[in-house]
Protein backbone atom coordinates (compact mmCIF):
# COMPACT_ATOMS: atom_id res chain seq x y z
CA MET A 1 0.00 0.00 0.00
CA THR A 2 2.86 2.38 0.78
CA VAL A 3 4.31 1.97 -2.71
CA LEU A 4 0.90 2.65 -4.27
CA CYS A 5 0.53 5.85 -2.25
CA ILE A 6 4.00 7.06 -3.18
CA LYS A 7 3.54 6.30 -6.87
CA SER A 8 0.12 8.00 -6.80
CA GLY A 9 1.73 11.24 -5.68
CA VAL A 10 0.45 11.31 -2.11
CA ASP A 11 2.45 13.70 0.07
CA PRO A 12 5.37 11.75 1.61
CA ALA A 13 4.54 13.09 5.08
CA GLU A 14 1.04 11.66 4.77
CA VAL A 15 2.35 8.33 3.47
CA ALA A 16 4.80 8.11 6.38
CA ALA A 17 2.10 8.90 8.91
CA ARG A 18 -0.27 6.28 7.49
CA ALA A 19 2.51 3.68 7.47
CA GLY A 20 3.48 4.52 11.04
CA HIS A 21 6.94 5.68 10.00
CA SER A 22 8.88 8.90 10.21
CA ILE A 23 9.65 10.66 6.95
CA ALA A 24 13.32 9.68 7.41
CA VAL A 25 12.37 5.99 7.54
CA LEU A 26 10.10 6.39 4.53
CA TYR A 27 12.89 7.96 2.48
CA ARG A 28 15.44 5.39 3.62
CA PHE A 29 13.35 2.39 2.63
CA TYR A 30 11.56 3.80 -0.42
CA ALA A 31 14.28 6.03 -1.90
CA LYS A 32 14.38 4.07 -5.17
CA ILE A 33 10.69 4.67 -5.76
CA LEU A 34 10.85 8.33 -4.79
CA LYS A 35 13.78 8.99 -7.14
CA GLY A 36 11.78 7.65 -10.07
CA GLY A 37 9.16 10.38 -9.78
CA GLN A 38 11.18 13.31 -11.10
CA GLN A 39 9.22 13.67 -14.33
CA HIS A 40 5.92 13.45 -12.48
CA SER A 41 7.11 16.13 -10.05
CA ASN A 42 8.19 18.36 -12.91
CA ASN A 43 4.76 17.97 -14.51
CA LEU A 44 3.00 18.90 -11.26
CA ILE A 45 5.19 21.99 -10.83
CA SER A 46 4.64 23.08 -14.43
CA ARG A 47 0.88 22.66 -14.10
CA ALA A 48 0.81 24.69 -10.87
CA LEU A 49 2.82 27.47 -12.47
CA GLU A 50 0.50 27.56 -15.49
CA GLU A 51 -2.58 27.67 -13.27
CA GLY A 52 -1.12 30.35 -11.02
CA ASP A 53 -1.22 28.10 -7.94
CA ALA A 54 2.40 28.78 -7.00
CA PRO A 55 2.90 30.69 -3.74
């Protein structure tokens, strides 16, 4: 379930809380999965900038 949440783009702090882990533990054990999401992250940032949602 943790992998599904991470790959779905759920906030890592929320994933860690639901898994009963700290964020440090989440990153340590799931770093390979998190690294693979760079393009998805770039797309989210681009969309936010286009929509004017950036702070």
